[in-house]
Amino acid sequence: MKNSYRNSRTAILYIMPALLIVVLMVFLPIVLNLYNSLFRWNSFDAGKVFVGFDYYFKLFKDPIFYTALKNNFLYAVISLIFQVGLGIVLAAILEDKLIRRFQPFFRTVFFIPSVISIAVVGLMWQLLYNPEVGLVNGALNAIGLSEWTHSWLGDSKTAIYAVVAVSQWQYTGYMTMLFLIAMQKIPYEYYEAAMIDGASKIRTFFHITLPQIKEMILVGSVITVIGAFKVFDEVYVMTGGGPGRSTEVLGTMLYRAAFRNDEMGYASTIGTVIFVITLTLSLIQMRMGKTGKEV
């Protein structure tokens, strides 16, 4: 009994430093951000004026907020389709016997975009989308589809899709690697049993592969959705929220309020809303996945 008590105390002592860091670096800033959202203040004035929930009412009445929210949801849906959906398919193809010997090459090719700086990626794709000298319009002209050429980032109807496409190019390979690792943990005996029973590769994929990697699918989905609502860099570098604020997302809206308009209380309000949305969606996904196991 004494040994058990001593071991528990030792375990708590080891956990305390990490717990303290999490409290100071994660939970305390969340609470302070919520507190700051109730005041009108700026970075050049030490005084704060209590406004209660006025900034929340202001935010929910702002039409730009709903444009940003729609763009973030669009980001999330498209990212789930490509980064998670396509990532699973690509991982399954790479894990196939016929392709496996080329796997190291394709793993490198798919993973490289995710390690490139977002600022570099944004500037590179700005050039690729350039209506005059860009490779995208140049390729369309070369294959006889000149009527499809477009000012991709200059048109409010296509700009957000052009930016979202860049994120899919950059991060689909990263998600593919996560799913590939999960698939490699599946015991090969399951596939041997399926082959003996005469199951096709498609049936094997749906009845063995997917159920066995459902924990990783959940983790990947949560990461993707949170990333979609935290997105800032790509939009800021490529369009700055334009044209006409048509590509505004919650991240750029927060940046504009904090560092251009110096409305720190309003920016804290936007940050709180982002936190609530991402937390809610993550809890819903975890509930739907009914997960409690290790990945």
Protein backbone atom coordinates (compact mmCIF):
# COMPACT_ATOMS: atom_id res chain seq x y z
CA MET A 1 0.00 0.00 0.00
CA LYS A 2 2.84 2.37 0.91
CA ASN A 3 4.68 1.54 -2.31
CA SER A 4 1.55 2.27 -4.35
CA TYR A 5 1.10 5.62 -2.60
CA ARG A 6 4.80 6.47 -3.11
CA ASN A 7 4.59 5.55 -6.80
CA SER A 8 1.50 7.74 -7.23
CA ARG A 9 3.28 10.71 -5.65
CA THR A 10 6.31 10.14 -7.87
CA ALA A 11 4.12 10.00 -10.97
CA ILE A 12 2.39 13.24 -9.97
CA LEU A 13 5.76 14.96 -9.45
CA TYR A 14 6.83 13.93 -12.97
CA ILE A 15 3.54 15.12 -14.48
CA MET A 16 3.44 18.49 -12.67
CA PRO A 17 6.03 20.36 -14.82
CA ALA A 18 4.27 19.39 -18.06
CA LEU A 19 0.87 20.17 -16.54
CA LEU A 20 2.12 23.56 -15.36
CA ILE A 21 3.42 24.39 -18.84
CA VAL A 22 0.09 23.40 -20.43
CA VAL A 23 -1.85 25.52 -17.92
CA LEU A 24 0.41 28.57 -18.42
CA MET A 25 0.78 28.27 -22.21
CA VAL A 26 -2.67 26.98 -23.23
CA PHE A 27 -5.44 27.37 -20.67
CA LEU A 28 -4.39 30.69 -19.15
CA PRO A 29 -4.18 32.46 -22.55
CA ILE A 30 -7.66 31.14 -23.42
CA VAL A 31 -9.10 32.57 -20.20
CA LEU A 32 -7.24 35.89 -20.64
CA ASN A 33 -8.43 36.17 -24.25
CA LEU A 34 -12.03 35.68 -23.13
CA TYR A 35 -11.52 38.29 -20.40
CA ASN A 36 -9.93 40.79 -22.83
CA SER A 37 -12.84 40.40 -25.26
CA LEU A 38 -15.08 42.11 -22.70
CA PHE A 39 -13.08 45.36 -22.81
CA ARG A 40 -12.32 48.10 -25.32
CA TRP A 41 -8.55 48.61 -25.35
CA ASN A 42 -5.63 49.08 -27.69
CA SER A 43 -1.89 48.48 -27.70
CA PHE A 44 -0.95 52.13 -27.04
CA ASP A 45 -3.19 52.76 -24.04
CA ALA A 46 -2.95 50.99 -20.69
CA GLY A 47 -6.58 51.79 -19.85
CA LYS A 48 -9.46 49.42 -20.54
CA VAL A 49 -13.16 50.24 -20.84
CA PHE A 50 -15.61 47.49 -19.95
CA VAL A 51 -18.07 46.90 -22.81
CA GLY A 52 -19.45 43.50 -21.85
CA PHE A 53 -20.67 41.50 -24.84
CA ASP A 54 -20.89 44.54 -27.15
CA TYR A 55 -18.07 43.26 -29.36
CA TYR A 56 -19.86 39.93 -29.77
CA PHE A 57 -23.04 41.73 -30.89
CA LYS A 58 -20.93 43.84 -33.25
CA LEU A 59 -19.27 40.74 -34.69
CA PHE A 60 -22.53 38.88 -35.27
CA LYS A 61 -23.98 41.93 -37.05
CA ASP A 62 -20.95 42.31 -39.33
CA PRO A 63 -21.61 40.84 -42.82
CA ILE A 64 -17.87 40.29 -43.31
CA PHE A 65 -17.95 37.84 -40.38
CA TYR A 66 -20.39 35.62 -42.27
CA THR A 67 -18.27 35.85 -45.43
CA ALA A 68 -15.24 34.78 -43.39
CA LEU A 69 -17.19 32.01 -41.66
CA LYS A 70 -18.46 30.71 -45.01
CA ASN A 71 -14.90 30.70 -46.40
CA ASN A 72 -13.59 28.82 -43.37
CA PHE A 73 -16.33 26.20 -43.67
CA LEU A 74 -15.55 25.93 -47.39
CA TYR A 75 -11.91 25.43 -46.50
CA ALA A 76 -12.86 22.69 -44.02
CA VAL A 77 -15.16 20.78 -46.38
CA ILE A 78 -12.77 20.85 -49.34
CA SER A 79 -9.84 19.94 -47.09
CA LEU A 80 -11.72 16.94 -45.70
CA ILE A 81 -12.47 15.75 -49.23
CA PHE A 82 -8.92 16.11 -50.53
CA GLN A 83 -6.56 15.92 -47.57
CA VAL A 84 -8.44 13.15 -45.79
CA GLY A 85 -10.43 11.45 -48.56
CA LEU A 86 -7.83 11.62 -51.33
CA GLY A 87 -5.05 11.09 -48.79
CA ILE A 88 -6.56 7.72 -47.78
CA VAL A 89 -6.88 6.65 -51.42
CA LEU A 90 -3.28 7.66 -52.24
CA ALA A 91 -2.00 5.84 -49.15
CA ALA A 92 -3.88 2.68 -50.14
CA ILE A 93 -2.42 2.86 -53.66
CA LEU A 94 1.13 3.32 -52.32
CA GLU A 95 0.65 0.34 -49.99
CA ASP A 96 -0.45 -1.90 -52.88
CA LYS A 97 1.99 -4.69 -53.79
CA LEU A 98 2.52 -3.44 -57.34
CA ILE A 99 3.42 0.11 -56.23
CA ARG A 100 5.20 -0.67 -52.96
CA ARG A 101 8.69 -0.85 -54.46
CA PHE A 102 8.28 2.74 -55.74
CA GLN A 103 6.90 3.89 -52.38
CA PRO A 104 10.05 5.73 -51.13
CA PHE A 105 10.10 7.91 -54.27
CA PHE A 106 6.41 8.81 -54.09
CA ARG A 107 6.55 9.38 -50.32
CA THR A 108 9.28 11.96 -50.86
CA VAL A 109 7.44 13.65 -53.74
CA PHE A 110 4.16 13.86 -51.82
CA PHE A 111 5.76 15.04 -48.57
CA ILE A 112 8.06 17.78 -49.94
CA PRO A 113 5.32 20.46 -50.36
CA SER A 114 4.37 20.24 -46.66
CA VAL A 115 7.88 21.25 -45.52
CA ILE A 116 8.09 24.34 -47.75
CA SER A 117 7.48 27.66 -46.03
CA ILE A 118 3.88 28.85 -46.48
CA ALA A 119 5.14 32.31 -47.47
CA VAL A 120 7.24 30.75 -50.24
CA VAL A 121 4.34 28.58 -51.37
CA GLY A 122 1.99 31.59 -51.45
CA LEU A 123 4.39 33.70 -53.52
CA MET A 124 5.10 30.80 -55.87
CA TRP A 125 1.40 30.18 -56.52
CA GLN A 126 0.79 33.91 -56.96
CA LEU A 127 3.20 33.70 -59.87
CA LEU A 128 1.63 30.48 -61.18
CA TYR A 129 -1.83 32.09 -61.10
CA ASN A 130 -0.61 35.29 -62.79
CA PRO A 131 -3.01 35.89 -65.73
CA GLU A 132 -0.22 37.15 -68.01
CA VAL A 133 2.84 35.00 -67.31
CA GLY A 134 1.48 32.31 -64.97
CA LEU A 135 1.94 28.61 -65.69
CA VAL A 136 -1.75 27.80 -65.04
CA ASN A 137 -3.08 29.97 -67.86
CA GLY A 138 -0.05 29.09 -69.98
CA ALA A 139 -0.86 25.37 -69.65
CA LEU A 140 -4.52 25.98 -70.54
CA ASN A 141 -3.47 27.91 -73.66
CA ALA A 142 -1.01 25.17 -74.62
CA ILE A 143 -3.69 22.45 -74.61
CA GLY A 144 -6.24 24.54 -76.50
CA LEU A 145 -8.40 25.64 -73.55
CA SER A 146 -7.71 29.35 -73.84
CA GLU A 147 -11.36 30.13 -73.05
CA TRP A 148 -10.73 28.71 -69.55
CA THR A 149 -7.92 31.18 -68.80
CA HIS A 150 -8.80 33.47 -65.96
CA SER A 151 -7.55 36.00 -63.43
CA TRP A 152 -7.80 33.39 -60.71
CA LEU A 153 -6.87 35.59 -57.75
CA GLY A 154 -8.35 38.77 -59.20
CA ASP A 155 -11.92 37.52 -59.48
CA SER A 156 -13.98 37.42 -56.28
CA LYS A 157 -15.82 34.31 -57.57
CA THR A 158 -12.69 32.19 -58.02
CA ALA A 159 -10.13 33.68 -55.61
CA ILE A 160 -11.11 31.65 -52.53
CA TYR A 161 -11.12 28.39 -54.53
CA ALA A 162 -7.69 29.22 -55.93
CA VAL A 163 -6.32 29.77 -52.42
CA VAL A 164 -7.98 26.61 -51.05
CA ALA A 165 -6.47 24.61 -53.93
CA VAL A 166 -2.98 25.69 -52.83
CA SER A 167 -3.59 24.29 -49.33
CA GLN A 168 -4.68 20.96 -50.81
CA TRP A 169 -1.52 20.82 -52.93
CA GLN A 170 0.62 21.49 -49.89
CA TYR A 171 -0.95 19.27 -47.23
CA THR A 172 -2.55 16.29 -49.00
CA GLY A 173 0.84 14.56 -49.11
CA TYR A 174 1.34 15.08 -45.38
CA MET A 175 -2.00 13.46 -44.57
CA THR A 176 -1.18 10.66 -47.02
CA MET A 177 1.94 9.85 -44.98
CA LEU A 178 -0.09 9.68 -41.76
CA PHE A 179 -2.56 7.24 -43.32
CA LEU A 180 0.25 5.24 -44.88
CA ILE A 181 1.85 4.73 -41.46
CA ALA A 182 -1.51 3.62 -40.03
CA MET A 183 -2.02 1.13 -42.89
CA GLN A 184 1.42 -0.37 -42.35
CA LYS A 185 0.38 -1.29 -38.79
CA ILE A 186 -2.47 -3.50 -40.05
CA PRO A 187 -1.55 -7.20 -39.65
CA TYR A 188 -0.95 -8.77 -43.06
CA GLU A 189 -2.86 -11.88 -41.97
CA TYR A 190 -6.12 -9.92 -42.43
CA TYR A 191 -5.33 -9.36 -46.10
CA GLU A 192 -4.25 -12.97 -46.58
CA ALA A 193 -7.57 -14.17 -45.14
CA ALA A 194 -9.43 -11.78 -47.47
CA MET A 195 -7.51 -13.10 -50.50
CA ILE A 196 -8.29 -16.70 -49.55
CA ASP A 197 -11.99 -15.76 -49.33
CA GLY A 198 -11.75 -14.24 -52.81
CA ALA A 199 -12.36 -10.60 -51.76
CA SER A 200 -11.50 -7.97 -54.35
CA LYS A 201 -9.10 -5.11 -53.57
CA ILE A 202 -11.99 -2.66 -53.32
CA ARG A 203 -13.88 -4.86 -50.84
CA THR A 204 -10.68 -5.39 -48.88
CA PHE A 205 -10.17 -1.62 -48.76
CA PHE A 206 -13.67 -0.94 -47.42
CA HIS A 207 -13.94 -3.91 -45.05
CA ILE A 208 -10.40 -4.20 -43.70
CA THR A 209 -8.30 -1.09 -44.38
CA LEU A 210 -10.82 1.61 -43.49
CA PRO A 211 -12.06 0.01 -40.23
CA GLN A 212 -8.48 -0.61 -39.10
CA ILE A 213 -7.39 3.02 -39.61
CA LYS A 214 -10.57 4.71 -38.31
CA GLU A 215 -8.65 6.18 -35.34
CA MET A 216 -6.15 7.84 -37.67
CA ILE A 217 -8.99 9.03 -39.90
CA LEU A 218 -10.54 10.73 -36.88
CA VAL A 219 -7.23 12.32 -35.86
CA GLY A 220 -6.59 13.48 -39.43
CA SER A 221 -10.10 14.92 -39.70
CA VAL A 222 -9.74 16.86 -36.43
CA ILE A 223 -6.33 18.23 -37.48
CA THR A 224 -7.72 19.22 -40.88
CA VAL A 225 -10.82 20.97 -39.53
CA ILE A 226 -8.86 22.86 -36.87
CA GLY A 227 -6.31 23.88 -39.52
CA ALA A 228 -9.11 25.10 -41.80
CA PHE A 229 -10.41 27.46 -39.11
CA LYS A 230 -6.93 28.63 -38.10
CA VAL A 231 -5.86 29.34 -41.69
CA PHE A 232 -4.21 32.71 -42.16
CA ASP A 233 -0.86 32.61 -43.95
CA GLU A 234 -2.00 31.43 -47.38
CA VAL A 235 -4.82 33.94 -47.58
CA TYR A 236 -2.74 36.82 -46.25
CA VAL A 237 0.19 36.18 -48.60
CA MET A 238 -1.85 35.49 -51.75
CA THR A 239 -4.81 37.88 -51.53
CA GLY A 240 -4.74 39.72 -48.20
CA GLY A 241 -8.46 38.93 -47.90
CA GLY A 242 -9.35 40.47 -51.28
CA PRO A 243 -10.49 41.18 -53.85
CA GLY A 244 -13.21 43.13 -52.09
CA ARG A 245 -12.70 40.99 -48.93
CA SER A 246 -14.15 38.00 -50.79
CA THR A 247 -11.39 35.71 -49.46
CA GLU A 248 -11.56 36.99 -45.89
CA VAL A 249 -11.28 34.25 -43.27
CA LEU A 250 -11.52 34.51 -39.49
CA GLY A 251 -7.73 34.61 -39.18
CA THR A 252 -7.28 37.57 -41.53
CA MET A 253 -10.28 39.29 -39.95
CA LEU A 254 -8.61 38.95 -36.54
CA TYR A 255 -5.30 40.26 -37.93
CA ARG A 256 -7.03 43.26 -39.51
CA ALA A 257 -8.81 44.12 -36.25
CA ALA A 258 -5.70 43.72 -34.08
CA PHE A 259 -2.81 45.06 -36.15
CA ARG A 260 -4.41 47.43 -38.64
CA ASN A 261 -7.32 48.90 -36.68
CA ASP A 262 -5.74 48.40 -33.22
CA GLU A 263 -9.02 47.06 -31.83
CA MET A 264 -7.52 44.52 -29.46
CA GLY A 265 -10.78 43.80 -27.64
CA TYR A 266 -12.56 43.10 -30.93
CA ALA A 267 -9.67 40.90 -32.07
CA SER A 268 -9.92 38.96 -28.78
CA THR A 269 -13.61 38.44 -29.50
CA ILE A 270 -12.83 36.97 -32.92
CA GLY A 271 -10.18 34.75 -31.33
CA THR A 272 -12.69 33.49 -28.77
CA VAL A 273 -15.19 32.68 -31.52
CA ILE A 274 -12.53 30.74 -33.46
CA PHE A 275 -11.71 28.76 -30.31
CA VAL A 276 -15.37 27.94 -29.61
CA ILE A 277 -15.99 26.84 -33.22
CA THR A 278 -12.90 24.60 -33.41
CA LEU A 279 -13.54 23.09 -29.98
CA THR A 280 -17.19 22.38 -30.82
CA LEU A 281 -16.40 20.79 -34.18
CA SER A 282 -13.60 18.70 -32.65
CA LEU A 283 -15.89 17.40 -29.90
CA ILE A 284 -18.57 16.55 -32.47
CA GLN A 285 -16.04 14.67 -34.60
CA MET A 286 -14.71 12.78 -31.58
CA ARG A 287 -18.24 11.93 -30.50
CA MET A 288 -19.12 10.70 -33.98
CA GLY A 289 -15.92 8.67 -34.11
CA LYS A 290 -16.63 7.25 -30.64
CA THR A 291 -12.92 7.06 -30.08
CA GLY A 292 -11.14 6.23 -26.90
CA LYS A 293 -8.30 4.14 -28.25
CA GLU A 294 -4.73 5.00 -29.04
CA VAL A 295 -3.83 5.71 -32.64
